[in-house]
Amino acid sequence: MADELSHPVDREERRENGLSLIVIGFMLWFFDAMVFFFMPAAARLGHPRPFVTLIASAFVAGVILIGIGSHLRREQQ
């Protein structure tokens, strides 16, 4: 408790970092949706594998960033 009172700037900084990670995670999901939009064109050309790999990795990275950001923000409330 005394440690939290002695470092209020650090506490606010961690909350801001958490929010930044959440925003970056949602931006990755938005990017993921844009890649998903172009996937039918790739399937017609016969090369959907890079798109599927990109979609899966961006989704997983977004989930991880949102989870870490939520944990940081919840921890500081």
PDB file of N, CA and C in Angstrom:
ATOM      1  N   MET A   1       0.837  -1.189   0.000  1.00  0.00           N
ATOM      2  CA  MET A   1       0.000   0.000   0.000  1.00  0.00           C
ATOM      3  C   MET A   1       0.879   1.248   0.000  1.00  0.00           C
ATOM      4  N   ALA A   2       1.914   1.284   0.843  1.00  0.00           N
ATOM      5  CA  ALA A   2       2.791   2.448   0.884  1.00  0.00           C
ATOM      6  C   ALA A   2       3.565   2.594  -0.416  1.00  0.00           C
ATOM      7  N   ASP A   3       3.856   1.465  -1.073  1.00  0.00           N
ATOM      8  CA  ASP A   3       4.580   1.512  -2.342  1.00  0.00           C
ATOM      9  C   ASP A   3       3.722   2.168  -3.426  1.00  0.00           C
ATOM     10  N   GLU A   4       2.409   1.895  -3.414  1.00  0.00           N
ATOM     11  CA  GLU A   4       1.510   2.510  -4.399  1.00  0.00           C
ATOM     12  C   GLU A   4       1.422   4.020  -4.191  1.00  0.00           C
ATOM     13  N   LEU A   5       1.434   4.456  -2.954  1.00  0.00           N
ATOM     14  CA  LEU A   5       1.331   5.883  -2.685  1.00  0.00           C
ATOM     15  C   LEU A   5       2.621   6.623  -3.012  1.00  0.00           C
ATOM     16  N   SER A   6       3.736   5.943  -2.935  1.00  0.00           N
ATOM     17  CA  SER A   6       5.005   6.616  -3.184  1.00  0.00           C
ATOM     18  C   SER A   6       5.316   6.762  -4.672  1.00  0.00           C
ATOM     19  N   HIS A   7       4.641   5.994  -5.532  1.00  0.00           N
ATOM     20  CA  HIS A   7       4.914   6.046  -6.966  1.00  0.00           C
ATOM     21  C   HIS A   7       3.618   6.212  -7.773  1.00  0.00           C
ATOM     22  N   PRO A   8       2.907   7.334  -7.630  1.00  0.00           N
ATOM     23  CA  PRO A   8       1.662   7.500  -8.383  1.00  0.00           C
ATOM     24  C   PRO A   8       1.907   7.647  -9.880  1.00  0.00           C
ATOM     25  N   VAL A   9       3.071   8.158 -10.279  1.00  0.00           N
ATOM     26  CA  VAL A   9       3.363   8.318 -11.700  1.00  0.00           C
ATOM     27  C   VAL A   9       3.526   6.951 -12.349  1.00  0.00           C
ATOM     28  N   ASP A  10       4.208   6.055 -11.664  1.00  0.00           N
ATOM     29  CA  ASP A  10       4.403   4.711 -12.194  1.00  0.00           C
ATOM     30  C   ASP A  10       3.065   4.003 -12.372  1.00  0.00           C
ATOM     31  N   ARG A  11       2.167   4.192 -11.442  1.00  0.00           N
ATOM     32  CA  ARG A  11       0.847   3.564 -11.513  1.00  0.00           C
ATOM     33  C   ARG A  11       0.072   4.072 -12.726  1.00  0.00           C
ATOM     34  N   GLU A  12       0.095   5.377 -12.945  1.00  0.00           N
ATOM     35  CA  GLU A  12      -0.597   5.946 -14.098  1.00  0.00           C
ATOM     36  C   GLU A  12       0.069   5.525 -15.405  1.00  0.00           C
ATOM     37  N   GLU A  13       1.367   5.422 -15.384  1.00  0.00           N
ATOM     38  CA  GLU A  13       2.095   5.003 -16.583  1.00  0.00           C
ATOM     39  C   GLU A  13       1.736   3.565 -16.962  1.00  0.00           C
ATOM     40  N   ARG A  14       1.593   2.700 -15.975  1.00  0.00           N
ATOM     41  CA  ARG A  14       1.214   1.311 -16.260  1.00  0.00           C
ATOM     42  C   ARG A  14      -0.198   1.233 -16.819  1.00  0.00           C
ATOM     43  N   ARG A  15      -1.103   2.068 -16.321  1.00  0.00           N
ATOM     44  CA  ARG A  15      -2.464   2.096 -16.871  1.00  0.00           C
ATOM     45  C   ARG A  15      -2.449   2.556 -18.318  1.00  0.00           C
ATOM     46  N   GLU A  16      -1.634   3.573 -18.624  1.00  0.00           N
ATOM     47  CA  GLU A  16      -1.536   4.065 -19.996  1.00  0.00           C
ATOM     48  C   GLU A  16      -0.902   3.019 -20.904  1.00  0.00           C
ATOM     49  N   ASN A  17       0.106   2.324 -20.397  1.00  0.00           N
ATOM     50  CA  ASN A  17       0.719   1.255 -21.183  1.00  0.00           C
ATOM     51  C   ASN A  17      -0.287   0.146 -21.474  1.00  0.00           C
ATOM     52  N   GLY A  18      -1.112  -0.177 -20.498  1.00  0.00           N
ATOM     53  CA  GLY A  18      -2.150  -1.183 -20.698  1.00  0.00           C
ATOM     54  C   GLY A  18      -3.135  -0.763 -21.767  1.00  0.00           C
ATOM     55  N   LEU A  19      -3.547   0.494 -21.721  1.00  0.00           N
ATOM     56  CA  LEU A  19      -4.470   0.985 -22.737  1.00  0.00           C
ATOM     57  C   LEU A  19      -3.821   0.985 -24.114  1.00  0.00           C
ATOM     58  N   SER A  20      -2.547   1.333 -24.186  1.00  0.00           N
ATOM     59  CA  SER A  20      -1.836   1.314 -25.465  1.00  0.00           C
ATOM     60  C   SER A  20      -1.791  -0.097 -26.045  1.00  0.00           C
ATOM     61  N   LEU A  21      -1.528  -1.082 -25.204  1.00  0.00           N
ATOM     62  CA  LEU A  21      -1.494  -2.463 -25.679  1.00  0.00           C
ATOM     63  C   LEU A  21      -2.864  -2.914 -26.167  1.00  0.00           C
ATOM     64  N   ILE A  22      -3.919  -2.493 -25.479  1.00  0.00           N
ATOM     65  CA  ILE A  22      -5.271  -2.849 -25.911  1.00  0.00           C
ATOM     66  C   ILE A  22      -5.571  -2.232 -27.269  1.00  0.00           C
ATOM     67  N   VAL A  23      -5.227  -0.971 -27.454  1.00  0.00           N
ATOM     68  CA  VAL A  23      -5.476  -0.297 -28.734  1.00  0.00           C
ATOM     69  C   VAL A  23      -4.686  -0.965 -29.853  1.00  0.00           C
ATOM     70  N   ILE A  24      -3.429  -1.309 -29.604  1.00  0.00           N
ATOM     71  CA  ILE A  24      -2.617  -1.985 -30.622  1.00  0.00           C
ATOM     72  C   ILE A  24      -3.224  -3.344 -30.961  1.00  0.00           C
ATOM     73  N   GLY A  25      -3.726  -4.057 -29.964  1.00  0.00           N
ATOM     74  CA  GLY A  25      -4.373  -5.353 -30.206  1.00  0.00           C
ATOM     75  C   GLY A  25      -5.593  -5.213 -31.097  1.00  0.00           C
ATOM     76  N   PHE A  26      -6.417  -4.195 -30.839  1.00  0.00           N
ATOM     77  CA  PHE A  26      -7.592  -3.988 -31.684  1.00  0.00           C
ATOM     78  C   PHE A  26      -7.201  -3.518 -33.084  1.00  0.00           C
ATOM     79  N   MET A  27      -6.119  -2.781 -33.194  1.00  0.00           N
ATOM     80  CA  MET A  27      -5.634  -2.388 -34.524  1.00  0.00           C
ATOM     81  C   MET A  27      -5.165  -3.617 -35.304  1.00  0.00           C
ATOM     82  N   LEU A  28      -4.548  -4.568 -34.623  1.00  0.00           N
ATOM     83  CA  LEU A  28      -4.165  -5.816 -35.284  1.00  0.00           C
ATOM     84  C   LEU A  28      -5.391  -6.573 -35.771  1.00  0.00           C
ATOM     85  N   TRP A  29      -6.448  -6.576 -34.967  1.00  0.00           N
ATOM     86  CA  TRP A  29      -7.681  -7.235 -35.400  1.00  0.00           C
ATOM     87  C   TRP A  29      -8.290  -6.523 -36.600  1.00  0.00           C
ATOM     88  N   PHE A  30      -8.207  -5.197 -36.638  1.00  0.00           N
ATOM     89  CA  PHE A  30      -8.708  -4.445 -37.792  1.00  0.00           C
ATOM     90  C   PHE A  30      -7.890  -4.805 -39.034  1.00  0.00           C
ATOM     91  N   PHE A  31      -6.566  -4.856 -38.881  1.00  0.00           N
ATOM     92  CA  PHE A  31      -5.698  -5.276 -39.975  1.00  0.00           C
ATOM     93  C   PHE A  31      -6.054  -6.691 -40.413  1.00  0.00           C
ATOM     94  N   ASP A  32      -6.350  -7.543 -39.467  1.00  0.00           N
ATOM     95  CA  ASP A  32      -6.751  -8.914 -39.734  1.00  0.00           C
ATOM     96  C   ASP A  32      -8.025  -8.955 -40.579  1.00  0.00           C
ATOM     97  N   ALA A  33      -8.981  -8.109 -40.256  1.00  0.00           N
ATOM     98  CA  ALA A  33     -10.223  -8.048 -41.023  1.00  0.00           C
ATOM     99  C   ALA A  33      -9.964  -7.571 -42.456  1.00  0.00           C
ATOM    100  N   MET A  34      -9.036  -6.644 -42.605  1.00  0.00           N
ATOM    101  CA  MET A  34      -8.705  -6.175 -43.957  1.00  0.00           C
ATOM    102  C   MET A  34      -8.041  -7.287 -44.772  1.00  0.00           C
ATOM    103  N   VAL A  35      -7.164  -8.053 -44.169  1.00  0.00           N
ATOM    104  CA  VAL A  35      -6.531  -9.173 -44.861  1.00  0.00           C
ATOM    105  C   VAL A  35      -7.581 -10.216 -45.217  1.00  0.00           C
ATOM    106  N   PHE A  36      -8.512 -10.472 -44.297  1.00  0.00           N
ATOM    107  CA  PHE A  36      -9.583 -11.430 -44.546  1.00  0.00           C
ATOM    108  C   PHE A  36     -10.451 -11.000 -45.729  1.00  0.00           C
ATOM    109  N   PHE A  37     -10.615  -9.688 -45.921  1.00  0.00           N
ATOM    110  CA  PHE A  37     -11.396  -9.155 -47.032  1.00  0.00           C
ATOM    111  C   PHE A  37     -10.760  -9.538 -48.370  1.00  0.00           C
ATOM    112  N   PHE A  38      -9.430  -9.560 -48.437  1.00  0.00           N
ATOM    113  CA  PHE A  38      -8.746  -9.876 -49.689  1.00  0.00           C
ATOM    114  C   PHE A  38      -8.473 -11.373 -49.869  1.00  0.00           C
ATOM    115  N   MET A  39      -8.855 -12.188 -48.930  1.00  0.00           N
ATOM    116  CA  MET A  39      -8.577 -13.614 -49.029  1.00  0.00           C
ATOM    117  C   MET A  39      -9.272 -14.294 -50.209  1.00  0.00           C
ATOM    118  N   PRO A  40     -10.520 -13.959 -50.563  1.00  0.00           N
ATOM    119  CA  PRO A  40     -11.128 -14.624 -51.725  1.00  0.00           C
ATOM    120  C   PRO A  40     -10.332 -14.410 -53.016  1.00  0.00           C
ATOM    121  N   ALA A  41      -9.725 -13.250 -53.194  1.00  0.00           N
ATOM    122  CA  ALA A  41      -8.912 -13.010 -54.384  1.00  0.00           C
ATOM    123  C   ALA A  41      -7.682 -13.919 -54.367  1.00  0.00           C
ATOM    124  N   ALA A  42      -7.103 -14.122 -53.212  1.00  0.00           N
ATOM    125  CA  ALA A  42      -5.934 -14.993 -53.114  1.00  0.00           C
ATOM    126  C   ALA A  42      -6.327 -16.444 -53.379  1.00  0.00           C
ATOM    127  N   ALA A  43      -7.507 -16.834 -52.924  1.00  0.00           N
ATOM    128  CA  ALA A  43      -7.962 -18.209 -53.148  1.00  0.00           C
ATOM    129  C   ALA A  43      -8.189 -18.465 -54.635  1.00  0.00           C
ATOM    130  N   ARG A  44      -8.695 -17.466 -55.351  1.00  0.00           N
ATOM    131  CA  ARG A  44      -8.904 -17.636 -56.800  1.00  0.00           C
ATOM    132  C   ARG A  44      -7.578 -17.768 -57.531  1.00  0.00           C
ATOM    133  N   LEU A  45      -6.546 -17.089 -57.029  1.00  0.00           N
ATOM    134  CA  LEU A  45      -5.236 -17.182 -57.656  1.00  0.00           C
ATOM    135  C   LEU A  45      -4.500 -18.460 -57.248  1.00  0.00           C
ATOM    136  N   GLY A  46      -5.001 -19.122 -56.223  1.00  0.00           N
ATOM    137  CA  GLY A  46      -4.416 -20.382 -55.798  1.00  0.00           C
ATOM    138  C   GLY A  46      -3.350 -20.257 -54.735  1.00  0.00           C
ATOM    139  N   HIS A  47      -3.285 -19.113 -54.052  1.00  0.00           N
ATOM    140  CA  HIS A  47      -2.264 -18.922 -53.020  1.00  0.00           C
ATOM    141  C   HIS A  47      -2.874 -18.410 -51.706  1.00  0.00           C
ATOM    142  N   PRO A  48      -3.775 -19.163 -51.077  1.00  0.00           N
ATOM    143  CA  PRO A  48      -4.392 -18.662 -49.832  1.00  0.00           C
ATOM    144  C   PRO A  48      -3.547 -18.894 -48.575  1.00  0.00           C
ATOM    145  N   ARG A  49      -2.539 -19.751 -48.637  1.00  0.00           N
ATOM    146  CA  ARG A  49      -1.792 -20.110 -47.435  1.00  0.00           C
ATOM    147  C   ARG A  49      -1.130 -18.904 -46.747  1.00  0.00           C
ATOM    148  N   PRO A  50      -0.449 -17.992 -47.452  1.00  0.00           N
ATOM    149  CA  PRO A  50       0.137 -16.838 -46.749  1.00  0.00           C
ATOM    150  C   PRO A  50      -0.919 -15.971 -46.054  1.00  0.00           C
ATOM    151  N   PHE A  51      -2.089 -15.861 -46.667  1.00  0.00           N
ATOM    152  CA  PHE A  51      -3.151 -15.069 -46.050  1.00  0.00           C
ATOM    153  C   PHE A  51      -3.670 -15.745 -44.789  1.00  0.00           C
ATOM    154  N   VAL A  52      -3.843 -17.045 -44.837  1.00  0.00           N
ATOM    155  CA  VAL A  52      -4.331 -17.782 -43.659  1.00  0.00           C
ATOM    156  C   VAL A  52      -3.315 -17.678 -42.523  1.00  0.00           C
ATOM    157  N   THR A  53      -2.034 -17.805 -42.852  1.00  0.00           N
ATOM    158  CA  THR A  53      -0.986 -17.687 -41.839  1.00  0.00           C
ATOM    159  C   THR A  53      -0.970 -16.293 -41.229  1.00  0.00           C
ATOM    160  N   LEU A  54      -1.100 -15.275 -42.060  1.00  0.00           N
ATOM    161  CA  LEU A  54      -1.112 -13.896 -41.580  1.00  0.00           C
ATOM    162  C   LEU A  54      -2.337 -13.618 -40.711  1.00  0.00           C
ATOM    163  N   ILE A  55      -3.484 -14.107 -41.134  1.00  0.00           N
ATOM    164  CA  ILE A  55      -4.711 -13.910 -40.355  1.00  0.00           C
ATOM    165  C   ILE A  55      -4.585 -14.572 -38.981  1.00  0.00           C
ATOM    166  N   ALA A  56      -4.109 -15.811 -38.955  1.00  0.00           N
ATOM    167  CA  ALA A  56      -4.000 -16.536 -37.685  1.00  0.00           C
ATOM    168  C   ALA A  56      -2.989 -15.883 -36.750  1.00  0.00           C
ATOM    169  N   SER A  57      -1.841 -15.494 -37.291  1.00  0.00           N
ATOM    170  CA  SER A  57      -0.817 -14.901 -36.417  1.00  0.00           C
ATOM    171  C   SER A  57      -1.240 -13.522 -35.910  1.00  0.00           C
ATOM    172  N   ALA A  58      -1.903 -12.714 -36.740  1.00  0.00           N
ATOM    173  CA  ALA A  58      -2.369 -11.400 -36.286  1.00  0.00           C
ATOM    174  C   ALA A  58      -3.470 -11.545 -35.237  1.00  0.00           C
ATOM    175  N   PHE A  59      -4.327 -12.545 -35.392  1.00  0.00           N
ATOM    176  CA  PHE A  59      -5.388 -12.763 -34.415  1.00  0.00           C
ATOM    177  C   PHE A  59      -4.805 -13.164 -33.065  1.00  0.00           C
ATOM    178  N   VAL A  60      -3.861 -14.090 -33.084  1.00  0.00           N
ATOM    179  CA  VAL A  60      -3.244 -14.549 -31.835  1.00  0.00           C
ATOM    180  C   VAL A  60      -2.476 -13.411 -31.167  1.00  0.00           C
ATOM    181  N   ALA A  61      -1.729 -12.639 -31.957  1.00  0.00           N
ATOM    182  CA  ALA A  61      -0.986 -11.503 -31.397  1.00  0.00           C
ATOM    183  C   ALA A  61      -1.945 -10.482 -30.790  1.00  0.00           C
ATOM    184  N   GLY A  62      -3.086 -10.232 -31.442  1.00  0.00           N
ATOM    185  CA  GLY A  62      -4.080  -9.306 -30.911  1.00  0.00           C
ATOM    186  C   GLY A  62      -4.656  -9.787 -29.589  1.00  0.00           C
ATOM    187  N   VAL A  63      -4.958 -11.074 -29.515  1.00  0.00           N
ATOM    188  CA  VAL A  63      -5.495 -11.636 -28.269  1.00  0.00           C
ATOM    189  C   VAL A  63      -4.478 -11.490 -27.129  1.00  0.00           C
ATOM    190  N   ILE A  64      -3.220 -11.772 -27.429  1.00  0.00           N
ATOM    191  CA  ILE A  64      -2.185 -11.666 -26.395  1.00  0.00           C
ATOM    192  C   ILE A  64      -2.024 -10.224 -25.930  1.00  0.00           C
ATOM    193  N   LEU A  65      -1.968  -9.281 -26.869  1.00  0.00           N
ATOM    194  CA  LEU A  65      -1.798  -7.872 -26.491  1.00  0.00           C
ATOM    195  C   LEU A  65      -2.995  -7.347 -25.707  1.00  0.00           C
ATOM    196  N   ILE A  66      -4.193  -7.702 -26.120  1.00  0.00           N
ATOM    197  CA  ILE A  66      -5.389  -7.256 -25.405  1.00  0.00           C
ATOM    198  C   ILE A  66      -5.421  -7.871 -24.005  1.00  0.00           C
ATOM    199  N   GLY A  67      -5.031  -9.131 -23.894  1.00  0.00           N
ATOM    200  CA  GLY A  67      -4.997  -9.782 -22.581  1.00  0.00           C
ATOM    201  C   GLY A  67      -3.993  -9.140 -21.640  1.00  0.00           C
ATOM    202  N   ILE A  68      -2.792  -8.877 -22.137  1.00  0.00           N
ATOM    203  CA  ILE A  68      -1.771  -8.241 -21.305  1.00  0.00           C
ATOM    204  C   ILE A  68      -2.202  -6.825 -20.923  1.00  0.00           C
ATOM    205  N   GLY A  69      -2.741  -6.084 -21.889  1.00  0.00           N
ATOM    206  CA  GLY A  69      -3.196  -4.717 -21.604  1.00  0.00           C
ATOM    207  C   GLY A  69      -4.322  -4.682 -20.589  1.00  0.00           C
ATOM    208  N   SER A  70      -5.260  -5.601 -20.717  1.00  0.00           N
ATOM    209  CA  SER A  70      -6.357  -5.668 -19.746  1.00  0.00           C
ATOM    210  C   SER A  70      -5.844  -6.012 -18.353  1.00  0.00           C
ATOM    211  N   HIS A  71      -4.878  -6.917 -18.295  1.00  0.00           N
ATOM    212  CA  HIS A  71      -4.302  -7.290 -16.999  1.00  0.00           C
ATOM    213  C   HIS A  71      -3.600  -6.090 -16.356  1.00  0.00           C
ATOM    214  N   LEU A  72      -2.843  -5.335 -17.150  1.00  0.00           N
ATOM    215  CA  LEU A  72      -2.155  -4.161 -16.602  1.00  0.00           C
ATOM    216  C   LEU A  72      -3.150  -3.116 -16.091  1.00  0.00           C
ATOM    217  N   ARG A  73      -4.210  -2.885 -16.830  1.00  0.00           N
ATOM    218  CA  ARG A  73      -5.191  -1.876 -16.404  1.00  0.00           C
ATOM    219  C   ARG A  73      -5.965  -2.357 -15.176  1.00  0.00           C
ATOM    220  N   ARG A  74      -6.344  -3.629 -15.144  1.00  0.00           N
ATOM    221  CA  ARG A  74      -7.088  -4.158 -14.000  1.00  0.00           C
ATOM    222  C   ARG A  74      -6.224  -4.162 -12.743  1.00  0.00           C
ATOM    223  N   GLU A  75      -4.953  -4.454 -12.915  1.00  0.00           N
ATOM    224  CA  GLU A  75      -4.016  -4.524 -11.803  1.00  0.00           C
ATOM    225  C   GLU A  75      -3.864  -3.157 -11.130  1.00  0.00           C
ATOM    226  N   GLN A  76      -4.019  -2.085 -11.854  1.00  0.00           N
ATOM    227  CA  GLN A  76      -3.776  -0.737 -11.325  1.00  0.00           C
ATOM    228  C   GLN A  76      -5.043  -0.013 -10.869  1.00  0.00           C
ATOM    229  N   GLN A  77      -6.167  -0.686 -10.869  1.00  0.00           N
ATOM    230  CA  GLN A  77      -7.411  -0.023 -10.425  1.00  0.00           C
ATOM    231  C   GLN A  77      -7.663  -0.234  -8.965  1.00  0.00           C
TER     232      GLN A  77
END
